[in-house]
Structures are given as structure tokens and as C-alpha cells.
């Protein structure tokens, strides 16, 4: 099987997997944004800074340019991090499943 067919099968498997878990992914994305807005409101950040902080923290990049100072917002930042790890894990699991399915069918 050529690489083009393999890529197509992988992309199809990825789309199927994402479609199945989309409710969970969208809930996690909404939770990350919502918690980020809550942190930003308590820390007096703009909406843009709040969403930026949420995704930088959620994807565990953590540049450190925005850091919560209140105990409550620090706890919420930890929750954002947990949601981000779950989001990353789900997407990675779907990609591995799609790649496994694509390569298993190519060997037969």
C-alpha cells in the first residue's frame, strides 16, 4: 500500500474518532475557556489575556507572562491544566487508534 492511501486511511480514522468524542472534546474546550475567563475576571485580566492564559496553561506550555496571584485562581489554573492534559491525551489516543487501524489494514 502506498503512503497516499495510508494517509487517507489515517485521516478518515482520525475524523471518525474525533466525531465520536467531539462532545467530550467540546466540553473540555468549553471548561478550559470558562475557567480561564473566571481566572481572568478575578485577576482583572482582559478577555484575550484570560483565554490566552487558559490555553497556554491547559497545553502545559506555561510561559509565565501571566500568573495568577490569588489562591482561588491558582487552584483554577490547576484545573485548567488537568483539563488540558485530558484534552491532549484524548486527541493522542484517537491519533494512535487511527494510525493503528490504517497500518493494520495495509498489512492485510
PDB file of N, CA and C in Angstrom:
ATOM      1  N   UNK A   1       0.851  -1.169   0.000  1.00  0.00           N
ATOM      2  CA  UNK A   1       0.000   0.000   0.000  1.00  0.00           C
ATOM      3  C   UNK A   1       0.903   1.241   0.000  1.00  0.00           C
ATOM      4  N   UNK A   2       0.547   2.207  -0.819  1.00  0.00           N
ATOM      5  CA  UNK A   2       1.384   3.410  -0.903  1.00  0.00           C
ATOM      6  C   UNK A   2       1.064   4.386   0.235  1.00  0.00           C
ATOM      7  N   UNK A   3       1.929   5.368   0.387  1.00  0.00           N
ATOM      8  CA  UNK A   3       1.792   6.299   1.510  1.00  0.00           C
ATOM      9  C   UNK A   3       0.556   7.189   1.365  1.00  0.00           C
ATOM     10  N   UNK A   4       0.158   7.456   0.152  1.00  0.00           N
ATOM     11  CA  UNK A   4      -1.030   8.295  -0.053  1.00  0.00           C
ATOM     12  C   UNK A   4      -2.282   7.609   0.487  1.00  0.00           C
ATOM     13  N   UNK A   5      -2.422   6.344   0.192  1.00  0.00           N
ATOM     14  CA  UNK A   5      -3.562   5.572   0.696  1.00  0.00           C
ATOM     15  C   UNK A   5      -3.514   5.470   2.213  1.00  0.00           C
ATOM     16  N   UNK A   6      -2.323   5.277   2.740  1.00  0.00           N
ATOM     17  CA  UNK A   6      -2.155   5.195   4.191  1.00  0.00           C
ATOM     18  C   UNK A   6      -2.557   6.508   4.865  1.00  0.00           C
ATOM     19  N   UNK A   7      -2.150   7.629   4.268  1.00  0.00           N
ATOM     20  CA  UNK A   7      -2.535   8.940   4.815  1.00  0.00           C
ATOM     21  C   UNK A   7      -4.045   9.134   4.764  1.00  0.00           C
ATOM     22  N   UNK A   8      -4.664   8.715   3.688  1.00  0.00           N
ATOM     23  CA  UNK A   8      -6.126   8.842   3.569  1.00  0.00           C
ATOM     24  C   UNK A   8      -6.844   8.011   4.628  1.00  0.00           C
ATOM     25  N   UNK A   9      -6.369   6.785   4.834  1.00  0.00           N
ATOM     26  CA  UNK A   9      -6.994   5.930   5.844  1.00  0.00           C
ATOM     27  C   UNK A   9      -6.785   6.511   7.241  1.00  0.00           C
ATOM     28  N   UNK A  10      -5.588   7.047   7.490  1.00  0.00           N
ATOM     29  CA  UNK A  10      -5.328   7.680   8.783  1.00  0.00           C
ATOM     30  C   UNK A  10      -6.248   8.880   8.988  1.00  0.00           C
ATOM     31  N   UNK A  11      -6.364   9.734   7.979  1.00  0.00           N
ATOM     32  CA  UNK A  11      -7.220  10.922   8.090  1.00  0.00           C
ATOM     33  C   UNK A  11      -8.678  10.524   8.301  1.00  0.00           C
ATOM     34  N   UNK A  12      -9.123   9.495   7.617  1.00  0.00           N
ATOM     35  CA  UNK A  12     -10.504   9.032   7.789  1.00  0.00           C
ATOM     36  C   UNK A  12     -10.720   8.501   9.206  1.00  0.00           C
ATOM     37  N   UNK A  13      -9.766   7.735   9.709  1.00  0.00           N
ATOM     38  CA  UNK A  13      -9.865   7.226  11.076  1.00  0.00           C
ATOM     39  C   UNK A  13      -9.826   8.341  12.103  1.00  0.00           C
ATOM     40  N   UNK A  14      -9.003   9.356  11.855  1.00  0.00           N
ATOM     41  CA  UNK A  14      -8.909  10.499  12.754  1.00  0.00           C
ATOM     42  C   UNK A  14     -10.225  11.272  12.783  1.00  0.00           C
ATOM     43  N   UNK A  15     -10.802  11.509  11.605  1.00  0.00           N
ATOM     44  CA  UNK A  15     -12.096  12.203  11.540  1.00  0.00           C
ATOM     45  C   UNK A  15     -13.181  11.416  12.274  1.00  0.00           C
ATOM     46  N   UNK A  16     -13.202  10.122  12.065  1.00  0.00           N
ATOM     47  CA  UNK A  16     -14.208   9.278  12.717  1.00  0.00           C
ATOM     48  C   UNK A  16     -14.046   9.329  14.237  1.00  0.00           C
ATOM     49  N   UNK A  17     -12.823   9.199  14.694  1.00  0.00           N
ATOM     50  CA  UNK A  17     -12.568   9.238  16.132  1.00  0.00           C
ATOM     51  C   UNK A  17     -12.933  10.573  16.744  1.00  0.00           C
ATOM     52  N   UNK A  18     -12.573  11.651  16.066  1.00  0.00           N
ATOM     53  CA  UNK A  18     -12.903  12.982  16.579  1.00  0.00           C
ATOM     54  C   UNK A  18     -14.409  13.207  16.604  1.00  0.00           C
ATOM     55  N   UNK A  19     -15.095  12.684  15.603  1.00  0.00           N
ATOM     56  CA  UNK A  19     -16.548  12.823  15.561  1.00  0.00           C
ATOM     57  C   UNK A  19     -17.202  12.089  16.742  1.00  0.00           C
ATOM     58  N   UNK A  20     -16.640  10.947  17.104  1.00  0.00           N
ATOM     59  CA  UNK A  20     -17.206  10.155  18.200  1.00  0.00           C
ATOM     60  C   UNK A  20     -17.024  10.858  19.545  1.00  0.00           C
ATOM     61  N   UNK A  21     -15.840  11.411  19.780  1.00  0.00           N
ATOM     62  CA  UNK A  21     -15.559  12.018  21.090  1.00  0.00           C
ATOM     63  C   UNK A  21     -15.751  13.530  21.093  1.00  0.00           C
ATOM     64  N   UNK A  22     -16.325  14.087  20.020  1.00  0.00           N
ATOM     65  CA  UNK A  22     -16.492  15.527  19.958  1.00  0.00           C
ATOM     66  C   UNK A  22     -17.252  16.112  21.156  1.00  0.00           C
ATOM     67  N   UNK A  23     -18.296  15.462  21.674  1.00  0.00           N
ATOM     68  CA  UNK A  23     -18.957  16.037  22.860  1.00  0.00           C
ATOM     69  C   UNK A  23     -18.000  16.193  24.051  1.00  0.00           C
ATOM     70  N   UNK A  24     -17.131  15.233  24.246  1.00  0.00           N
ATOM     71  CA  UNK A  24     -16.172  15.312  25.343  1.00  0.00           C
ATOM     72  C   UNK A  24     -15.138  16.396  25.059  1.00  0.00           C
ATOM     73  N   UNK A  25     -14.631  16.436  23.834  1.00  0.00           N
ATOM     74  CA  UNK A  25     -13.643  17.452  23.478  1.00  0.00           C
ATOM     75  C   UNK A  25     -14.224  18.861  23.593  1.00  0.00           C
ATOM     76  N   UNK A  26     -15.443  19.042  23.130  1.00  0.00           N
ATOM     77  CA  UNK A  26     -16.035  20.371  23.201  1.00  0.00           C
ATOM     78  C   UNK A  26     -16.316  20.770  24.653  1.00  0.00           C
ATOM     79  N   UNK A  27     -16.688  19.811  25.493  1.00  0.00           N
ATOM     80  CA  UNK A  27     -16.891  20.113  26.912  1.00  0.00           C
ATOM     81  C   UNK A  27     -15.570  20.526  27.572  1.00  0.00           C
ATOM     82  N   UNK A  28     -14.497  19.823  27.245  1.00  0.00           N
ATOM     83  CA  UNK A  28     -13.190  20.177  27.803  1.00  0.00           C
ATOM     84  C   UNK A  28     -12.737  21.553  27.312  1.00  0.00           C
ATOM     85  N   UNK A  29     -12.926  21.827  26.032  1.00  0.00           N
ATOM     86  CA  UNK A  29     -12.562  23.144  25.499  1.00  0.00           C
ATOM     87  C   UNK A  29     -13.384  24.246  26.164  1.00  0.00           C
ATOM     88  N   UNK A  30     -14.674  24.003  26.328  1.00  0.00           N
ATOM     89  CA  UNK A  30     -15.532  24.978  26.987  1.00  0.00           C
ATOM     90  C   UNK A  30     -15.143  25.189  28.442  1.00  0.00           C
ATOM     91  N   UNK A  31     -14.776  24.108  29.115  1.00  0.00           N
ATOM     92  CA  UNK A  31     -14.348  24.209  30.503  1.00  0.00           C
ATOM     93  C   UNK A  31     -13.046  24.992  30.620  1.00  0.00           C
ATOM     94  N   UNK A  32     -12.110  24.752  29.711  1.00  0.00           N
ATOM     95  CA  UNK A  32     -10.845  25.490  29.721  1.00  0.00           C
ATOM     96  C   UNK A  32     -11.106  26.983  29.518  1.00  0.00           C
ATOM     97  N   UNK A  33     -11.925  27.320  28.543  1.00  0.00           N
ATOM     98  CA  UNK A  33     -12.233  28.731  28.283  1.00  0.00           C
ATOM     99  C   UNK A  33     -12.979  29.342  29.467  1.00  0.00           C
ATOM    100  N   UNK A  34     -13.983  28.633  29.983  1.00  0.00           N
ATOM    101  CA  UNK A  34     -14.761  29.146  31.108  1.00  0.00           C
ATOM    102  C   UNK A  34     -13.913  29.377  32.349  1.00  0.00           C
ATOM    103  N   UNK A  35     -13.075  28.413  32.674  1.00  0.00           N
ATOM    104  CA  UNK A  35     -12.188  28.576  33.828  1.00  0.00           C
ATOM    105  C   UNK A  35     -11.181  29.697  33.593  1.00  0.00           C
ATOM    106  N   UNK A  36     -10.697  29.806  32.360  1.00  0.00           N
ATOM    107  CA  UNK A  36      -9.771  30.894  32.040  1.00  0.00           C
ATOM    108  C   UNK A  36     -10.416  32.259  32.198  1.00  0.00           C
ATOM    109  N   UNK A  37     -11.662  32.368  31.761  1.00  0.00           N
ATOM    110  CA  UNK A  37     -12.383  33.637  31.931  1.00  0.00           C
ATOM    111  C   UNK A  37     -12.622  33.950  33.407  1.00  0.00           C
ATOM    112  N   UNK A  38     -12.914  32.914  34.181  1.00  0.00           N
ATOM    113  CA  UNK A  38     -13.110  33.114  35.615  1.00  0.00           C
ATOM    114  C   UNK A  38     -11.810  33.575  36.294  1.00  0.00           C
ATOM    115  N   UNK A  39     -10.702  32.937  35.929  1.00  0.00           N
ATOM    116  CA  UNK A  39      -9.397  33.352  36.464  1.00  0.00           C
ATOM    117  C   UNK A  39      -9.110  34.790  36.055  1.00  0.00           C
ATOM    118  N   UNK A  40      -9.339  35.100  34.793  1.00  0.00           N
ATOM    119  CA  UNK A  40      -9.087  36.449  34.300  1.00  0.00           C
ATOM    120  C   UNK A  40      -9.951  37.496  34.964  1.00  0.00           C
ATOM    121  N   UNK A  41     -11.198  37.158  35.235  1.00  0.00           N
ATOM    122  CA  UNK A  41     -12.100  38.090  35.917  1.00  0.00           C
ATOM    123  C   UNK A  41     -11.599  38.387  37.324  1.00  0.00           C
ATOM    124  N   UNK A  42     -11.196  37.320  38.034  1.00  0.00           N
ATOM    125  CA  UNK A  42     -10.702  37.503  39.402  1.00  0.00           C
ATOM    126  C   UNK A  42      -9.349  38.228  39.441  1.00  0.00           C
ATOM    127  N   UNK A  43      -8.532  38.061  38.395  1.00  0.00           N
ATOM    128  CA  UNK A  43      -7.202  38.668  38.351  1.00  0.00           C
ATOM    129  C   UNK A  43      -7.205  40.016  37.610  1.00  0.00           C
ATOM    130  N   UNK A  44      -8.384  40.447  37.152  1.00  0.00           N
ATOM    131  CA  UNK A  44      -8.522  41.700  36.397  1.00  0.00           C
ATOM    132  C   UNK A  44      -7.728  41.708  35.093  1.00  0.00           C
ATOM    133  N   UNK A  45      -7.796  40.600  34.358  1.00  0.00           N
ATOM    134  CA  UNK A  45      -7.172  40.499  33.046  1.00  0.00           C
ATOM    135  C   UNK A  45      -8.240  40.748  31.984  1.00  0.00           C
ATOM    136  N   UNK A  46      -7.785  41.071  30.780  1.00  0.00           N
ATOM    137  CA  UNK A  46      -8.721  41.213  29.661  1.00  0.00           C
ATOM    138  C   UNK A  46      -9.199  39.823  29.218  1.00  0.00           C
ATOM    139  N   UNK A  47     -10.226  39.819  28.394  1.00  0.00           N
ATOM    140  CA  UNK A  47     -10.748  38.545  27.880  1.00  0.00           C
ATOM    141  C   UNK A  47      -9.684  37.824  27.063  1.00  0.00           C
ATOM    142  N   UNK A  48      -8.957  38.574  26.241  1.00  0.00           N
ATOM    143  CA  UNK A  48      -7.905  37.969  25.416  1.00  0.00           C
ATOM    144  C   UNK A  48      -6.813  37.353  26.284  1.00  0.00           C
ATOM    145  N   UNK A  49      -6.402  38.086  27.310  1.00  0.00           N
ATOM    146  CA  UNK A  49      -5.371  37.565  28.208  1.00  0.00           C
ATOM    147  C   UNK A  49      -5.869  36.331  28.956  1.00  0.00           C
ATOM    148  N   UNK A  50      -7.133  36.334  29.322  1.00  0.00           N
ATOM    149  CA  UNK A  50      -7.712  35.210  30.058  1.00  0.00           C
ATOM    150  C   UNK A  50      -7.734  33.944  29.217  1.00  0.00           C
ATOM    151  N   UNK A  51      -8.175  34.067  27.975  1.00  0.00           N
ATOM    152  CA  UNK A  51      -8.227  32.898  27.092  1.00  0.00           C
ATOM    153  C   UNK A  51      -6.816  32.440  26.729  1.00  0.00           C
ATOM    154  N   UNK A  52      -5.938  33.393  26.486  1.00  0.00           N
ATOM    155  CA  UNK A  52      -4.534  33.067  26.223  1.00  0.00           C
ATOM    156  C   UNK A  52      -3.943  32.293  27.402  1.00  0.00           C
ATOM    157  N   UNK A  53      -4.150  32.793  28.622  1.00  0.00           N
ATOM    158  CA  UNK A  53      -3.645  32.118  29.814  1.00  0.00           C
ATOM    159  C   UNK A  53      -4.206  30.705  29.909  1.00  0.00           C
ATOM    160  N   UNK A  54      -5.509  30.557  29.645  1.00  0.00           N
ATOM    161  CA  UNK A  54      -6.159  29.254  29.766  1.00  0.00           C
ATOM    162  C   UNK A  54      -5.522  28.231  28.828  1.00  0.00           C
ATOM    163  N   UNK A  55      -5.290  28.602  27.582  1.00  0.00           N
ATOM    164  CA  UNK A  55      -4.743  27.632  26.642  1.00  0.00           C
ATOM    165  C   UNK A  55      -3.250  27.416  26.812  1.00  0.00           C
ATOM    166  N   UNK A  56      -2.528  28.446  27.206  1.00  0.00           N
ATOM    167  CA  UNK A  56      -1.099  28.263  27.480  1.00  0.00           C
ATOM    168  C   UNK A  56      -0.932  27.353  28.696  1.00  0.00           C
ATOM    169  N   UNK A  57      -1.783  27.517  29.686  1.00  0.00           N
ATOM    170  CA  UNK A  57      -1.726  26.655  30.875  1.00  0.00           C
ATOM    171  C   UNK A  57      -2.276  25.267  30.564  1.00  0.00           C
ATOM    172  N   UNK A  58      -3.381  25.210  29.835  1.00  0.00           N
ATOM    173  CA  UNK A  58      -4.011  23.937  29.516  1.00  0.00           C
ATOM    174  C   UNK A  58      -3.158  23.043  28.649  1.00  0.00           C
ATOM    175  N   UNK A  59      -2.393  23.642  27.761  1.00  0.00           N
ATOM    176  CA  UNK A  59      -1.500  22.853  26.910  1.00  0.00           C
ATOM    177  C   UNK A  59      -0.136  22.657  27.564  1.00  0.00           C
ATOM    178  N   UNK A  60      -0.047  23.015  28.827  1.00  0.00           N
ATOM    179  CA  UNK A  60       1.137  22.867  29.680  1.00  0.00           C
ATOM    180  C   UNK A  60       2.376  23.537  29.104  1.00  0.00           C
ATOM    181  N   UNK A  61       2.176  24.612  28.371  1.00  0.00           N
ATOM    182  CA  UNK A  61       3.306  25.389  27.869  1.00  0.00           C
ATOM    183  C   UNK A  61       3.803  26.298  28.988  1.00  0.00           C
ATOM    184  N   UNK A  62       2.900  27.071  29.568  1.00  0.00           N
ATOM    185  CA  UNK A  62       3.195  27.882  30.732  1.00  0.00           C
ATOM    186  C   UNK A  62       4.340  28.859  30.551  1.00  0.00           C
ATOM    187  N   UNK A  63       4.159  29.873  29.737  1.00  0.00           N
ATOM    188  CA  UNK A  63       5.222  30.857  29.512  1.00  0.00           C
ATOM    189  C   UNK A  63       5.561  31.655  30.761  1.00  0.00           C
ATOM    190  N   UNK A  64       4.602  31.865  31.646  1.00  0.00           N
ATOM    191  CA  UNK A  64       4.854  32.593  32.875  1.00  0.00           C
ATOM    192  C   UNK A  64       4.630  34.086  32.781  1.00  0.00           C
ATOM    193  N   UNK A  65       4.215  34.567  31.608  1.00  0.00           N
ATOM    194  CA  UNK A  65       3.959  36.006  31.478  1.00  0.00           C
ATOM    195  C   UNK A  65       2.698  36.431  32.211  1.00  0.00           C
ATOM    196  N   UNK A  66       1.755  35.515  32.371  1.00  0.00           N
ATOM    197  CA  UNK A  66       0.563  35.751  33.188  1.00  0.00           C
ATOM    198  C   UNK A  66       0.548  34.673  34.266  1.00  0.00           C
ATOM    199  N   UNK A  67       0.493  35.105  35.512  1.00  0.00           N
ATOM    200  CA  UNK A  67       0.473  34.147  36.616  1.00  0.00           C
ATOM    201  C   UNK A  67      -0.572  34.583  37.634  1.00  0.00           C
ATOM    202  N   UNK A  68      -1.470  33.673  37.994  1.00  0.00           N
ATOM    203  CA  UNK A  68      -2.477  34.024  38.991  1.00  0.00           C
ATOM    204  C   UNK A  68      -1.836  34.235  40.364  1.00  0.00           C
ATOM    205  N   UNK A  69      -2.373  35.176  41.096  1.00  0.00           N
ATOM    206  CA  UNK A  69      -1.807  35.509  42.405  1.00  0.00           C
ATOM    207  C   UNK A  69      -2.695  35.072  43.566  1.00  0.00           C
ATOM    208  N   UNK A  70      -3.977  34.960  43.325  1.00  0.00           N
ATOM    209  CA  UNK A  70      -4.919  34.568  44.373  1.00  0.00           C
ATOM    210  C   UNK A  70      -4.957  33.043  44.515  1.00  0.00           C
ATOM    211  N   UNK A  71      -5.251  32.572  45.714  1.00  0.00           N
ATOM    212  CA  UNK A  71      -5.314  31.126  45.953  1.00  0.00           C
ATOM    213  C   UNK A  71      -6.375  30.469  45.074  1.00  0.00           C
ATOM    214  N   UNK A  72      -7.563  31.076  45.001  1.00  0.00           N
ATOM    215  CA  UNK A  72      -8.638  30.512  44.190  1.00  0.00           C
ATOM    216  C   UNK A  72      -8.218  30.391  42.726  1.00  0.00           C
ATOM    217  N   UNK A  73      -7.617  31.428  42.193  1.00  0.00           N
ATOM    218  CA  UNK A  73      -7.243  31.392  40.776  1.00  0.00           C
ATOM    219  C   UNK A  73      -6.095  30.424  40.522  1.00  0.00           C
ATOM    220  N   UNK A  74      -5.258  30.213  41.497  1.00  0.00           N
ATOM    221  CA  UNK A  74      -4.200  29.197  41.353  1.00  0.00           C
ATOM    222  C   UNK A  74      -4.800  27.798  41.306  1.00  0.00           C
ATOM    223  N   UNK A  75      -5.801  27.557  42.133  1.00  0.00           N
ATOM    224  CA  UNK A  75      -6.487  26.258  42.117  1.00  0.00           C
ATOM    225  C   UNK A  75      -7.198  26.068  40.777  1.00  0.00           C
ATOM    226  N   UNK A  76      -7.833  27.129  40.282  1.00  0.00           N
ATOM    227  CA  UNK A  76      -8.498  27.041  38.977  1.00  0.00           C
ATOM    228  C   UNK A  76      -7.484  26.791  37.857  1.00  0.00           C
ATOM    229  N   UNK A  77      -6.292  27.365  37.983  1.00  0.00           N
ATOM    230  CA  UNK A  77      -5.239  27.122  36.990  1.00  0.00           C
ATOM    231  C   UNK A  77      -4.816  25.656  36.987  1.00  0.00           C
ATOM    232  N   UNK A  78      -4.811  25.033  38.151  1.00  0.00           N
ATOM    233  CA  UNK A  78      -4.508  23.602  38.217  1.00  0.00           C
ATOM    234  C   UNK A  78      -5.594  22.806  37.498  1.00  0.00           C
ATOM    235  N   UNK A  79      -6.847  23.183  37.695  1.00  0.00           N
ATOM    236  CA  UNK A  79      -7.956  22.510  36.999  1.00  0.00           C
ATOM    237  C   UNK A  79      -7.853  22.700  35.487  1.00  0.00           C
ATOM    238  N   UNK A  80      -7.428  23.888  35.068  1.00  0.00           N
ATOM    239  CA  UNK A  80      -7.217  24.129  33.635  1.00  0.00           C
ATOM    240  C   UNK A  80      -6.143  23.178  33.111  1.00  0.00           C
ATOM    241  N   UNK A  81      -5.075  23.015  33.877  1.00  0.00           N
ATOM    242  CA  UNK A  81      -4.003  22.100  33.472  1.00  0.00           C
ATOM    243  C   UNK A  81      -4.473  20.666  33.349  1.00  0.00           C
ATOM    244  N   UNK A  82      -5.293  20.221  34.289  1.00  0.00           N
ATOM    245  CA  UNK A  82      -5.831  18.854  34.240  1.00  0.00           C
ATOM    246  C   UNK A  82      -6.714  18.679  33.005  1.00  0.00           C
ATOM    247  N   UNK A  83      -7.566  19.658  32.734  1.00  0.00           N
ATOM    248  CA  UNK A  83      -8.416  19.589  31.533  1.00  0.00           C
ATOM    249  C   UNK A  83      -7.571  19.556  30.269  1.00  0.00           C
ATOM    250  N   UNK A  84      -6.498  20.333  30.247  1.00  0.00           N
ATOM    251  CA  UNK A  84      -5.618  20.351  29.086  1.00  0.00           C
ATOM    252  C   UNK A  84      -4.909  19.031  28.866  1.00  0.00           C
ATOM    253  N   UNK A  85      -4.478  18.398  29.945  1.00  0.00           N
ATOM    254  CA  UNK A  85      -3.833  17.086  29.830  1.00  0.00           C
ATOM    255  C   UNK A  85      -4.832  16.055  29.312  1.00  0.00           C
ATOM    256  N   UNK A  86      -6.064  16.093  29.817  1.00  0.00           N
ATOM    257  CA  UNK A  86      -7.102  15.175  29.326  1.00  0.00           C
ATOM    258  C   UNK A  86      -7.378  15.404  27.844  1.00  0.00           C
ATOM    259  N   UNK A  87      -7.466  16.666  27.450  1.00  0.00           N
ATOM    260  CA  UNK A  87      -7.707  17.000  26.048  1.00  0.00           C
ATOM    261  C   UNK A  87      -6.591  16.455  25.159  1.00  0.00           C
ATOM    262  N   UNK A  88      -5.362  16.683  25.568  1.00  0.00           N
ATOM    263  CA  UNK A  88      -4.212  16.203  24.804  1.00  0.00           C
ATOM    264  C   UNK A  88      -4.192  14.680  24.738  1.00  0.00           C
ATOM    265  N   UNK A  89      -4.492  14.031  25.855  1.00  0.00           N
ATOM    266  CA  UNK A  89      -4.490  12.572  25.897  1.00  0.00           C
ATOM    267  C   UNK A  89      -5.550  11.979  24.977  1.00  0.00           C
ATOM    268  N   UNK A  90      -6.729  12.587  24.959  1.00  0.00           N
ATOM    269  CA  UNK A  90      -7.802  12.070  24.106  1.00  0.00           C
ATOM    270  C   UNK A  90      -7.430  12.207  22.630  1.00  0.00           C
ATOM    271  N   UNK A  91      -6.901  13.361  22.251  1.00  0.00           N
ATOM    272  CA  UNK A  91      -6.512  13.565  20.856  1.00  0.00           C
ATOM    273  C   UNK A  91      -5.383  12.612  20.472  1.00  0.00           C
ATOM    274  N   UNK A  92      -4.418  12.424  21.365  1.00  0.00           N
ATOM    275  CA  UNK A  92      -3.319  11.492  21.083  1.00  0.00           C
ATOM    276  C   UNK A  92      -3.831  10.061  20.950  1.00  0.00           C
ATOM    277  N   UNK A  93      -4.755   9.667  21.814  1.00  0.00           N
ATOM    278  CA  UNK A  93      -5.304   8.314  21.743  1.00  0.00           C
ATOM    279  C   UNK A  93      -6.056   8.090  20.436  1.00  0.00           C
ATOM    280  N   UNK A  94      -6.790   9.091  19.998  1.00  0.00           N
ATOM    281  CA  UNK A  94      -7.512   8.972  18.724  1.00  0.00           C
ATOM    282  C   UNK A  94      -6.531   8.843  17.568  1.00  0.00           C
ATOM    283  N   UNK A  95      -5.460   9.634  17.607  1.00  0.00           N
ATOM    284  CA  UNK A  95      -4.457   9.569  16.540  1.00  0.00           C
ATOM    285  C   UNK A  95      -3.772   8.209  16.514  1.00  0.00           C
ATOM    286  N   UNK A  96      -3.442   7.670  17.673  1.00  0.00           N
ATOM    287  CA  UNK A  96      -2.807   6.347  17.729  1.00  0.00           C
ATOM    288  C   UNK A  96      -3.759   5.278  17.211  1.00  0.00           C
ATOM    289  N   UNK A  97      -5.023   5.363  17.606  1.00  0.00           N
ATOM    290  CA  UNK A  97      -6.018   4.400  17.131  1.00  0.00           C
ATOM    291  C   UNK A  97      -6.172   4.475  15.609  1.00  0.00           C
ATOM    292  N   UNK A  98      -6.212   5.694  15.069  1.00  0.00           N
ATOM    293  CA  UNK A  98      -6.353   5.861  13.619  1.00  0.00           C
ATOM    294  C   UNK A  98      -5.124   5.329  12.893  1.00  0.00           C
ATOM    295  N   UNK A  99      -3.951   5.591  13.434  1.00  0.00           N
ATOM    296  CA  UNK A  99      -2.712   5.100  12.798  1.00  0.00           C
ATOM    297  C   UNK A  99      -2.633   3.587  12.862  1.00  0.00           C
ATOM    298  N   UNK A 100      -3.020   3.016  13.989  1.00  0.00           N
ATOM    299  CA  UNK A 100      -3.016   1.560  14.138  1.00  0.00           C
ATOM    300  C   UNK A 100      -3.989   0.920  13.152  1.00  0.00           C
ATOM    301  N   UNK A 101      -5.176   1.487  13.053  1.00  0.00           N
ATOM    302  CA  UNK A 101      -6.182   0.949  12.114  1.00  0.00           C
ATOM    303  C   UNK A 101      -5.703   1.069  10.676  1.00  0.00           C
ATOM    304  N   UNK A 102      -5.070   2.176  10.332  1.00  0.00           N
ATOM    305  CA  UNK A 102      -4.597   2.382   8.964  1.00  0.00           C
ATOM    306  C   UNK A 102      -3.470   1.411   8.630  1.00  0.00           C
ATOM    307  N   UNK A 103      -2.565   1.203   9.553  1.00  0.00           N
ATOM    308  CA  UNK A 103      -1.432   0.303   9.262  1.00  0.00           C
ATOM    309  C   UNK A 103      -1.818  -1.159   9.341  1.00  0.00           C
ATOM    310  N   UNK A 104      -2.771  -1.498  10.215  1.00  0.00           N
ATOM    311  CA  UNK A 104      -3.234  -2.897  10.292  1.00  0.00           C
ATOM    312  C   UNK A 104      -3.925  -3.305   9.005  1.00  0.00           C
ATOM    313  N   UNK A 105      -4.730  -2.421   8.450  1.00  0.00           N
ATOM    314  CA  UNK A 105      -5.440  -2.764   7.222  1.00  0.00           C
ATOM    315  C   UNK A 105      -4.497  -2.782   6.038  1.00  0.00           C
ATOM    316  N   UNK A 106      -3.375  -2.070   6.124  1.00  0.00           N
ATOM    317  CA  UNK A 106      -2.437  -2.059   4.999  1.00  0.00           C
ATOM    318  C   UNK A 106      -1.602  -3.338   4.954  1.00  0.00           C
ATOM    319  N   UNK A 107      -1.470  -4.032   6.090  1.00  0.00           N
ATOM    320  CA  UNK A 107      -0.676  -5.253   6.125  1.00  0.00           C
ATOM    321  C   UNK A 107      -1.439  -6.444   5.594  1.00  0.00           C
ATOM    322  N   UNK A 108      -2.751  -6.352   5.530  1.00  0.00           N
ATOM    323  CA  UNK A 108      -3.577  -7.479   5.093  1.00  0.00           C
ATOM    324  C   UNK A 108      -3.747  -7.488   3.608  1.00  0.00           C
TER     325      UNK A 108
END
